């Protein structure tokens, strides 16, 4: 009898997809997604003590909202990841938000250095690397020429 009786604990895990893929315990806070995107103001500050789920909460938002860049109409991954959660019950909200946005997520937890200059360079490298991952957006018909062009950075689409 190799039936799994108990789910594992997601100790130290901050990746929603990994928690769902490995069938670990997860306290369903997905209804908070709707609260944030439909009922809160334009500015949101999430403050919690250390190790209190801030990164997991933001990662859950990203997993729900993130656009499939190869097939923008495909929400299959989100449907699978959120199948038994509270948010999936709100079909209208899911139709409007699930898998509809390019999500840019940057964490500063690995930025360090022996000097301000070292840390600044690590930060600049992180921003550049992240921006390059989303260069495909410069070809999106959803953006205007103005949105695609940045005078400060010199990035533009011809």
N, C-alpha and C. Protein backbone atom coordinates (compact mmCIF):
# COMPACT_ATOMS: atom_id res chain seq x y z
N UNK A 1 0.84 -1.18 0.00
CA UNK A 1 0.00 0.00 0.00
C UNK A 1 0.89 1.24 0.00
N UNK A 2 1.01 1.88 -1.14
CA UNK A 2 1.86 3.07 -1.24
C UNK A 2 1.02 4.33 -1.43
N UNK A 3 -0.20 4.30 -0.94
CA UNK A 3 -1.08 5.46 -1.03
C UNK A 3 -0.58 6.59 -0.14
N UNK A 4 -0.60 7.80 -0.67
CA UNK A 4 -0.15 8.97 0.07
C UNK A 4 -1.26 9.39 1.03
N UNK A 5 -0.97 9.37 2.34
CA UNK A 5 -1.96 9.70 3.34
C UNK A 5 -1.95 11.19 3.67
N UNK A 6 -0.75 11.75 3.82
CA UNK A 6 -0.62 13.15 4.19
C UNK A 6 0.14 13.91 3.12
N UNK A 7 -0.24 15.16 2.94
CA UNK A 7 0.51 16.03 2.05
C UNK A 7 1.76 16.50 2.77
N UNK A 8 2.77 16.83 2.00
CA UNK A 8 3.99 17.38 2.58
C UNK A 8 3.82 18.85 2.91
N UNK A 9 4.70 19.35 3.73
CA UNK A 9 4.69 20.76 4.08
C UNK A 9 5.63 21.52 3.15
N UNK A 10 5.22 22.67 2.69
CA UNK A 10 6.07 23.45 1.78
C UNK A 10 7.09 24.30 2.53
N UNK A 11 7.92 23.68 3.32
CA UNK A 11 8.87 24.40 4.15
C UNK A 11 9.84 25.19 3.27
N UNK A 12 9.84 26.50 3.46
CA UNK A 12 10.74 27.37 2.74
C UNK A 12 10.37 27.60 1.28
N UNK A 13 9.27 27.02 0.82
CA UNK A 13 8.89 27.18 -0.59
C UNK A 13 8.14 28.49 -0.79
N UNK A 14 8.49 29.19 -1.84
CA UNK A 14 7.83 30.45 -2.15
C UNK A 14 7.33 30.46 -3.59
N UNK A 15 7.24 29.26 -4.19
CA UNK A 15 6.82 29.14 -5.57
C UNK A 15 5.49 28.39 -5.62
N UNK A 16 4.43 29.10 -5.99
CA UNK A 16 3.08 28.52 -6.02
C UNK A 16 3.01 27.29 -6.92
N UNK A 17 3.59 27.38 -8.10
CA UNK A 17 3.56 26.27 -9.05
C UNK A 17 4.21 25.03 -8.45
N UNK A 18 5.35 25.17 -7.81
CA UNK A 18 6.03 24.03 -7.18
C UNK A 18 5.17 23.41 -6.09
N UNK A 19 4.51 24.23 -5.30
CA UNK A 19 3.65 23.72 -4.23
C UNK A 19 2.50 22.91 -4.81
N UNK A 20 1.88 23.42 -5.87
CA UNK A 20 0.76 22.70 -6.50
C UNK A 20 1.25 21.44 -7.22
N UNK A 21 2.36 21.55 -7.95
CA UNK A 21 2.89 20.40 -8.70
C UNK A 21 3.30 19.26 -7.77
N UNK A 22 3.77 19.60 -6.58
CA UNK A 22 4.22 18.58 -5.63
C UNK A 22 3.15 18.20 -4.61
N UNK A 23 1.93 18.70 -4.81
CA UNK A 23 0.79 18.39 -3.95
C UNK A 23 1.12 18.61 -2.47
N UNK A 24 1.67 19.79 -2.17
CA UNK A 24 1.99 20.16 -0.81
C UNK A 24 0.83 20.93 -0.19
N UNK A 25 0.82 21.03 1.11
CA UNK A 25 -0.21 21.81 1.78
C UNK A 25 -0.14 23.26 1.33
N UNK A 26 -1.32 23.83 1.11
CA UNK A 26 -1.40 25.24 0.75
C UNK A 26 -2.68 25.80 1.35
N UNK A 27 -2.56 26.85 2.13
CA UNK A 27 -3.73 27.52 2.67
C UNK A 27 -4.23 28.44 1.57
N UNK A 28 -5.42 28.16 1.08
CA UNK A 28 -5.96 28.87 -0.08
C UNK A 28 -6.26 30.33 0.25
N UNK A 29 -5.41 31.20 -0.30
CA UNK A 29 -5.60 32.64 -0.15
C UNK A 29 -5.85 33.28 -1.51
N UNK A 30 -6.31 32.47 -2.46
CA UNK A 30 -6.48 32.98 -3.82
C UNK A 30 -7.60 34.00 -3.93
N UNK A 31 -8.57 33.99 -3.04
CA UNK A 31 -9.63 35.00 -3.08
C UNK A 31 -9.05 36.40 -2.90
N UNK A 32 -7.88 36.49 -2.30
CA UNK A 32 -7.20 37.77 -2.10
C UNK A 32 -6.82 38.41 -3.43
N UNK A 33 -6.62 37.58 -4.46
CA UNK A 33 -6.28 38.11 -5.79
C UNK A 33 -7.38 39.06 -6.25
N UNK A 34 -8.62 38.64 -6.11
CA UNK A 34 -9.74 39.48 -6.53
C UNK A 34 -9.82 40.74 -5.68
N UNK A 35 -9.60 40.59 -4.40
CA UNK A 35 -9.62 41.75 -3.50
C UNK A 35 -8.61 42.80 -3.96
N UNK A 36 -7.42 42.35 -4.30
CA UNK A 36 -6.36 43.27 -4.71
C UNK A 36 -6.68 43.94 -6.05
N UNK A 37 -7.17 43.17 -7.00
CA UNK A 37 -7.35 43.71 -8.35
C UNK A 37 -8.70 44.36 -8.60
N UNK A 38 -9.66 44.11 -7.74
CA UNK A 38 -10.98 44.70 -7.96
C UNK A 38 -11.41 45.67 -6.87
N UNK A 39 -10.89 45.50 -5.66
CA UNK A 39 -11.42 46.27 -4.54
C UNK A 39 -10.42 47.17 -3.83
N UNK A 40 -9.15 47.13 -4.25
CA UNK A 40 -8.17 47.96 -3.55
C UNK A 40 -7.84 49.19 -4.39
N UNK A 41 -7.12 50.12 -3.78
CA UNK A 41 -6.74 51.35 -4.48
C UNK A 41 -5.62 51.07 -5.48
N UNK A 42 -5.15 52.08 -6.15
CA UNK A 42 -4.12 51.90 -7.16
C UNK A 42 -2.74 51.63 -6.56
N UNK A 43 -2.58 51.87 -5.28
CA UNK A 43 -1.32 51.61 -4.61
C UNK A 43 -1.56 50.59 -3.51
N UNK A 44 -0.70 49.58 -3.46
CA UNK A 44 -0.86 48.53 -2.46
C UNK A 44 0.50 48.27 -1.81
N UNK A 45 0.53 48.33 -0.51
CA UNK A 45 1.73 48.03 0.25
C UNK A 45 1.45 46.79 1.07
N UNK A 46 2.23 45.74 0.84
CA UNK A 46 2.06 44.49 1.58
C UNK A 46 3.17 44.41 2.62
N UNK A 47 2.79 44.56 3.87
CA UNK A 47 3.78 44.46 4.95
C UNK A 47 3.40 43.29 5.84
N UNK A 48 4.34 42.46 6.10
CA UNK A 48 4.17 41.33 7.00
C UNK A 48 5.53 41.07 7.63
N UNK A 49 5.55 40.37 8.75
CA UNK A 49 6.86 40.01 9.33
C UNK A 49 7.63 39.08 8.39
N UNK A 50 8.88 38.94 8.64
CA UNK A 50 9.74 38.03 7.89
C UNK A 50 9.17 36.62 7.93
N UNK A 51 9.28 35.90 6.80
CA UNK A 51 8.83 34.50 6.69
C UNK A 51 7.31 34.37 6.91
N UNK A 52 6.57 35.35 6.44
CA UNK A 52 5.13 35.37 6.66
C UNK A 52 4.34 35.25 5.36
N UNK A 53 5.01 34.90 4.25
CA UNK A 53 4.30 34.60 3.02
C UNK A 53 4.17 35.70 2.00
N UNK A 54 4.95 36.76 2.13
CA UNK A 54 4.84 37.85 1.14
C UNK A 54 5.25 37.38 -0.25
N UNK A 55 6.38 36.71 -0.34
CA UNK A 55 6.87 36.26 -1.64
C UNK A 55 5.93 35.22 -2.24
N UNK A 56 5.44 34.28 -1.43
CA UNK A 56 4.50 33.28 -1.94
C UNK A 56 3.22 33.94 -2.43
N UNK A 57 2.74 34.94 -1.72
CA UNK A 57 1.53 35.65 -2.15
C UNK A 57 1.75 36.32 -3.50
N UNK A 58 2.85 37.01 -3.66
CA UNK A 58 3.14 37.67 -4.93
C UNK A 58 3.38 36.65 -6.04
N UNK A 59 4.01 35.53 -5.71
CA UNK A 59 4.23 34.48 -6.69
C UNK A 59 2.90 33.85 -7.11
N UNK A 60 1.96 33.74 -6.19
CA UNK A 60 0.62 33.24 -6.51
C UNK A 60 -0.07 34.19 -7.47
N UNK A 61 0.03 35.49 -7.22
CA UNK A 61 -0.53 36.49 -8.14
C UNK A 61 0.07 36.31 -9.53
N UNK A 62 1.39 36.17 -9.59
CA UNK A 62 2.07 36.03 -10.88
C UNK A 62 1.61 34.77 -11.61
N UNK A 63 1.51 33.66 -10.90
CA UNK A 63 1.07 32.40 -11.52
C UNK A 63 -0.34 32.54 -12.09
N UNK A 64 -1.19 33.27 -11.42
CA UNK A 64 -2.57 33.48 -11.87
C UNK A 64 -2.64 34.42 -13.08
N UNK A 65 -1.89 35.50 -13.05
CA UNK A 65 -2.00 36.56 -14.05
C UNK A 65 -1.15 36.33 -15.30
N UNK A 66 -0.07 35.57 -15.17
CA UNK A 66 0.96 35.50 -16.21
C UNK A 66 0.46 34.98 -17.55
N UNK A 67 0.77 35.75 -18.57
CA UNK A 67 0.45 35.46 -19.96
C UNK A 67 1.36 34.37 -20.50
N UNK A 68 0.80 33.44 -21.24
CA UNK A 68 1.60 32.44 -21.95
C UNK A 68 2.10 33.13 -23.22
N UNK A 69 3.37 33.46 -23.29
CA UNK A 69 3.87 34.26 -24.40
C UNK A 69 3.82 33.52 -25.74
N UNK A 70 3.87 32.18 -25.75
CA UNK A 70 3.78 31.43 -27.00
C UNK A 70 2.33 31.37 -27.52
N UNK A 71 1.37 31.29 -26.59
CA UNK A 71 -0.04 31.23 -26.97
C UNK A 71 -0.85 32.05 -25.96
N UNK A 72 -1.02 33.34 -26.23
CA UNK A 72 -1.67 34.25 -25.28
C UNK A 72 -3.10 33.85 -24.87
N UNK A 73 -3.76 33.02 -25.69
CA UNK A 73 -5.13 32.60 -25.35
C UNK A 73 -5.17 31.35 -24.47
N UNK A 74 -4.03 30.72 -24.27
CA UNK A 74 -3.96 29.48 -23.50
C UNK A 74 -3.84 29.76 -22.00
N UNK A 75 -4.83 29.36 -21.24
CA UNK A 75 -4.79 29.48 -19.78
C UNK A 75 -4.79 28.10 -19.13
N UNK A 76 -4.38 27.10 -19.89
CA UNK A 76 -4.38 25.72 -19.39
C UNK A 76 -3.56 25.54 -18.12
N UNK A 77 -2.40 26.16 -18.06
CA UNK A 77 -1.56 26.03 -16.87
C UNK A 77 -2.28 26.60 -15.65
N UNK A 78 -2.85 27.79 -15.79
CA UNK A 78 -3.57 28.40 -14.67
C UNK A 78 -4.79 27.56 -14.28
N UNK A 79 -5.50 27.04 -15.26
CA UNK A 79 -6.66 26.21 -14.96
C UNK A 79 -6.24 25.00 -14.11
N UNK A 80 -5.11 24.40 -14.45
CA UNK A 80 -4.61 23.25 -13.69
C UNK A 80 -4.14 23.66 -12.30
N UNK A 81 -3.35 24.74 -12.21
CA UNK A 81 -2.79 25.15 -10.93
C UNK A 81 -3.85 25.65 -9.94
N UNK A 82 -4.91 26.25 -10.44
CA UNK A 82 -5.91 26.87 -9.57
C UNK A 82 -7.22 26.09 -9.52
N UNK A 83 -7.23 24.85 -10.01
CA UNK A 83 -8.47 24.10 -10.17
C UNK A 83 -9.28 23.92 -8.89
N UNK A 84 -8.68 23.74 -7.76
CA UNK A 84 -9.43 23.50 -6.52
C UNK A 84 -9.37 24.70 -5.57
N UNK A 85 -9.19 25.89 -6.11
CA UNK A 85 -9.06 27.07 -5.25
C UNK A 85 -10.32 27.92 -5.30
N UNK A 86 -10.38 28.85 -4.39
CA UNK A 86 -11.55 29.74 -4.29
C UNK A 86 -11.69 30.65 -5.50
N UNK A 87 -10.60 31.15 -6.03
CA UNK A 87 -10.65 32.12 -7.12
C UNK A 87 -11.26 31.53 -8.39
N UNK A 88 -11.08 30.24 -8.62
CA UNK A 88 -11.56 29.62 -9.85
C UNK A 88 -13.09 29.61 -9.92
N UNK A 89 -13.73 29.76 -8.77
CA UNK A 89 -15.20 29.77 -8.73
C UNK A 89 -15.77 31.03 -9.37
N UNK A 90 -14.99 32.09 -9.41
CA UNK A 90 -15.44 33.35 -10.02
C UNK A 90 -15.03 33.36 -11.49
N UNK A 91 -15.87 32.75 -12.32
CA UNK A 91 -15.55 32.57 -13.74
C UNK A 91 -15.36 33.90 -14.47
N UNK A 92 -16.16 34.90 -14.15
CA UNK A 92 -16.05 36.19 -14.81
C UNK A 92 -14.70 36.85 -14.51
N UNK A 93 -14.30 36.83 -13.24
CA UNK A 93 -13.02 37.40 -12.85
C UNK A 93 -11.88 36.64 -13.54
N UNK A 94 -11.96 35.32 -13.56
CA UNK A 94 -10.92 34.52 -14.21
C UNK A 94 -10.86 34.81 -15.71
N UNK A 95 -11.99 34.96 -16.33
CA UNK A 95 -12.02 35.29 -17.77
C UNK A 95 -11.34 36.64 -18.04
N UNK A 96 -11.49 37.57 -17.12
CA UNK A 96 -10.92 38.90 -17.30
C UNK A 96 -9.42 38.99 -16.96
N UNK A 97 -8.98 38.22 -15.96
CA UNK A 97 -7.61 38.40 -15.45
C UNK A 97 -6.69 37.19 -15.61
N UNK A 98 -7.21 35.99 -15.58
CA UNK A 98 -6.37 34.79 -15.57
C UNK A 98 -5.57 34.65 -16.87
N UNK A 99 -4.25 34.65 -16.74
CA UNK A 99 -3.37 34.45 -17.89
C UNK A 99 -3.41 35.57 -18.91
N UNK A 100 -3.71 36.78 -18.50
CA UNK A 100 -3.90 37.89 -19.44
C UNK A 100 -2.79 38.94 -19.46
N UNK A 101 -1.79 38.83 -18.59
CA UNK A 101 -0.82 39.91 -18.45
C UNK A 101 0.62 39.40 -18.44
N UNK A 102 1.52 40.17 -19.07
CA UNK A 102 2.94 39.86 -18.86
C UNK A 102 3.29 40.30 -17.43
N UNK A 103 3.84 39.42 -16.67
CA UNK A 103 4.15 39.72 -15.26
C UNK A 103 5.66 39.83 -15.11
N UNK A 104 6.09 40.98 -14.66
CA UNK A 104 7.52 41.20 -14.42
C UNK A 104 7.72 41.19 -12.91
N UNK A 105 8.51 40.25 -12.47
CA UNK A 105 8.74 40.08 -11.04
C UNK A 105 10.23 40.14 -10.76
N UNK A 106 10.59 40.99 -9.83
CA UNK A 106 12.00 41.14 -9.45
C UNK A 106 12.09 41.02 -7.93
N UNK A 107 12.98 40.18 -7.47
CA UNK A 107 13.23 40.09 -6.04
C UNK A 107 14.62 40.64 -5.75
N UNK A 108 14.72 41.38 -4.69
CA UNK A 108 15.99 42.01 -4.32
C UNK A 108 16.74 41.21 -3.25
N UNK A 109 16.21 40.05 -2.88
CA UNK A 109 16.80 39.32 -1.76
C UNK A 109 18.22 38.81 -2.03
N UNK A 110 18.60 38.67 -3.30
CA UNK A 110 19.94 38.18 -3.62
C UNK A 110 20.91 39.30 -3.99
N UNK A 111 20.48 40.54 -3.83
CA UNK A 111 21.36 41.68 -4.12
C UNK A 111 22.21 41.96 -2.88
N UNK A 112 23.51 41.91 -3.05
CA UNK A 112 24.42 42.18 -1.94
C UNK A 112 25.74 42.68 -2.52
N UNK A 113 26.61 43.10 -1.68
CA UNK A 113 27.93 43.54 -2.13
C UNK A 113 28.73 44.07 -0.98
N UNK A 114 30.02 44.12 -1.16
CA UNK A 114 30.92 44.66 -0.13
C UNK A 114 30.88 46.18 -0.13
N UNK A 115 30.30 46.74 -1.20
CA UNK A 115 30.19 48.19 -1.28
C UNK A 115 28.87 48.53 -1.97
N UNK A 116 28.51 49.80 -1.89
CA UNK A 116 27.30 50.25 -2.59
C UNK A 116 27.44 50.00 -4.09
N UNK A 117 28.62 50.26 -4.63
CA UNK A 117 28.86 50.07 -6.06
C UNK A 117 28.66 48.63 -6.50
N UNK A 118 29.14 47.68 -5.69
CA UNK A 118 28.96 46.26 -6.01
C UNK A 118 27.47 45.90 -6.02
N UNK A 119 26.75 46.33 -4.99
CA UNK A 119 25.32 46.04 -4.91
C UNK A 119 24.56 46.72 -6.04
N UNK A 120 24.95 47.94 -6.36
CA UNK A 120 24.30 48.68 -7.45
C UNK A 120 24.49 47.95 -8.78
N UNK A 121 25.70 47.45 -9.03
CA UNK A 121 25.97 46.71 -10.27
C UNK A 121 25.14 45.42 -10.33
N UNK A 122 25.02 44.74 -9.21
CA UNK A 122 24.18 43.53 -9.19
C UNK A 122 22.73 43.88 -9.49
N UNK A 123 22.27 44.98 -8.92
CA UNK A 123 20.90 45.43 -9.17
C UNK A 123 20.72 45.79 -10.65
N UNK A 124 21.65 46.54 -11.21
CA UNK A 124 21.57 46.94 -12.61
C UNK A 124 21.57 45.72 -13.52
N UNK A 125 22.41 44.73 -13.23
CA UNK A 125 22.44 43.49 -14.01
C UNK A 125 21.10 42.77 -13.93
N UNK A 126 20.51 42.73 -12.75
CA UNK A 126 19.22 42.08 -12.57
C UNK A 126 18.13 42.77 -13.39
N UNK A 127 18.12 44.09 -13.37
CA UNK A 127 17.12 44.85 -14.14
C UNK A 127 17.32 44.61 -15.63
N UNK A 128 18.55 44.64 -16.11
CA UNK A 128 18.83 44.41 -17.54
C UNK A 128 18.44 43.00 -17.97
N UNK A 129 18.80 42.02 -17.18
CA UNK A 129 18.46 40.63 -17.49
C UNK A 129 16.95 40.45 -17.54
N UNK A 130 16.27 41.03 -16.58
CA UNK A 130 14.81 40.92 -16.54
C UNK A 130 14.18 41.62 -17.74
N UNK A 131 14.65 42.81 -18.08
CA UNK A 131 14.12 43.54 -19.23
C UNK A 131 14.31 42.75 -20.52
N UNK A 132 15.44 42.09 -20.66
CA UNK A 132 15.71 41.30 -21.87
C UNK A 132 14.75 40.12 -22.01
N UNK A 133 14.30 39.56 -20.90
CA UNK A 133 13.35 38.45 -20.95
C UNK A 133 12.02 38.88 -21.56
N UNK A 134 11.72 40.16 -21.47
CA UNK A 134 10.43 40.66 -21.95
C UNK A 134 10.56 41.50 -23.21
N UNK A 135 11.66 41.36 -23.91
CA UNK A 135 11.87 42.11 -25.15
C UNK A 135 10.82 41.78 -26.20
N UNK A 136 10.23 40.57 -26.13
CA UNK A 136 9.18 40.19 -27.08
C UNK A 136 8.00 41.15 -27.04
N UNK A 137 7.80 41.84 -25.93
CA UNK A 137 6.68 42.78 -25.82
C UNK A 137 6.84 43.97 -26.76
N UNK A 138 8.07 44.25 -27.19
CA UNK A 138 8.29 45.36 -28.11
C UNK A 138 7.64 45.11 -29.47
N UNK A 139 7.28 43.87 -29.75
CA UNK A 139 6.62 43.53 -31.01
C UNK A 139 5.11 43.40 -30.84
N UNK A 140 4.61 43.63 -29.67
CA UNK A 140 3.19 43.46 -29.40
C UNK A 140 2.35 44.54 -30.07
N UNK A 141 1.29 44.14 -30.78
CA UNK A 141 0.39 45.14 -31.38
C UNK A 141 -0.47 45.84 -30.32
N UNK A 142 -0.46 45.33 -29.10
CA UNK A 142 -1.25 45.94 -28.02
C UNK A 142 -0.62 47.23 -27.51
N UNK A 143 0.66 47.46 -27.84
CA UNK A 143 1.36 48.65 -27.39
C UNK A 143 1.48 49.67 -28.50
N UNK A 144 1.38 50.93 -28.13
CA UNK A 144 1.56 52.00 -29.12
C UNK A 144 3.05 52.21 -29.36
N UNK A 145 3.36 52.94 -30.42
CA UNK A 145 4.75 53.27 -30.73
C UNK A 145 5.37 54.02 -29.55
N UNK A 146 4.60 54.93 -28.96
CA UNK A 146 5.07 55.69 -27.81
C UNK A 146 5.44 54.76 -26.65
N UNK A 147 4.61 53.76 -26.40
CA UNK A 147 4.88 52.82 -25.31
C UNK A 147 6.09 51.94 -25.60
N UNK A 148 6.35 51.70 -26.87
CA UNK A 148 7.47 50.85 -27.26
C UNK A 148 8.80 51.58 -27.28
N UNK A 149 8.74 52.89 -27.24
CA UNK A 149 9.96 53.67 -27.36
C UNK A 149 10.27 54.38 -26.05
N UNK A 150 11.51 54.30 -25.64
CA UNK A 150 11.93 54.98 -24.42
C UNK A 150 13.14 55.84 -24.75
N UNK A 151 12.96 57.12 -24.66
CA UNK A 151 14.05 58.06 -24.95
C UNK A 151 15.22 57.85 -23.99
N UNK A 152 14.92 57.55 -22.73
CA UNK A 152 15.97 57.42 -21.72
C UNK A 152 16.86 56.22 -21.97
N UNK A 153 16.26 55.11 -22.41
CA UNK A 153 17.05 53.89 -22.57
C UNK A 153 17.52 53.66 -23.99
N UNK A 154 16.89 54.37 -24.94
CA UNK A 154 17.28 54.16 -26.33
C UNK A 154 16.65 52.92 -26.93
N UNK A 155 15.75 52.25 -26.20
CA UNK A 155 15.09 51.07 -26.72
C UNK A 155 13.95 51.50 -27.61
N UNK A 156 13.90 50.97 -28.80
CA UNK A 156 12.77 51.28 -29.67
C UNK A 156 12.58 50.17 -30.69
N UNK A 157 11.41 50.14 -31.28
CA UNK A 157 11.09 49.18 -32.33
C UNK A 157 10.89 49.96 -33.61
N UNK A 158 11.49 49.50 -34.68
CA UNK A 158 11.41 50.22 -35.93
C UNK A 158 10.23 50.00 -36.74
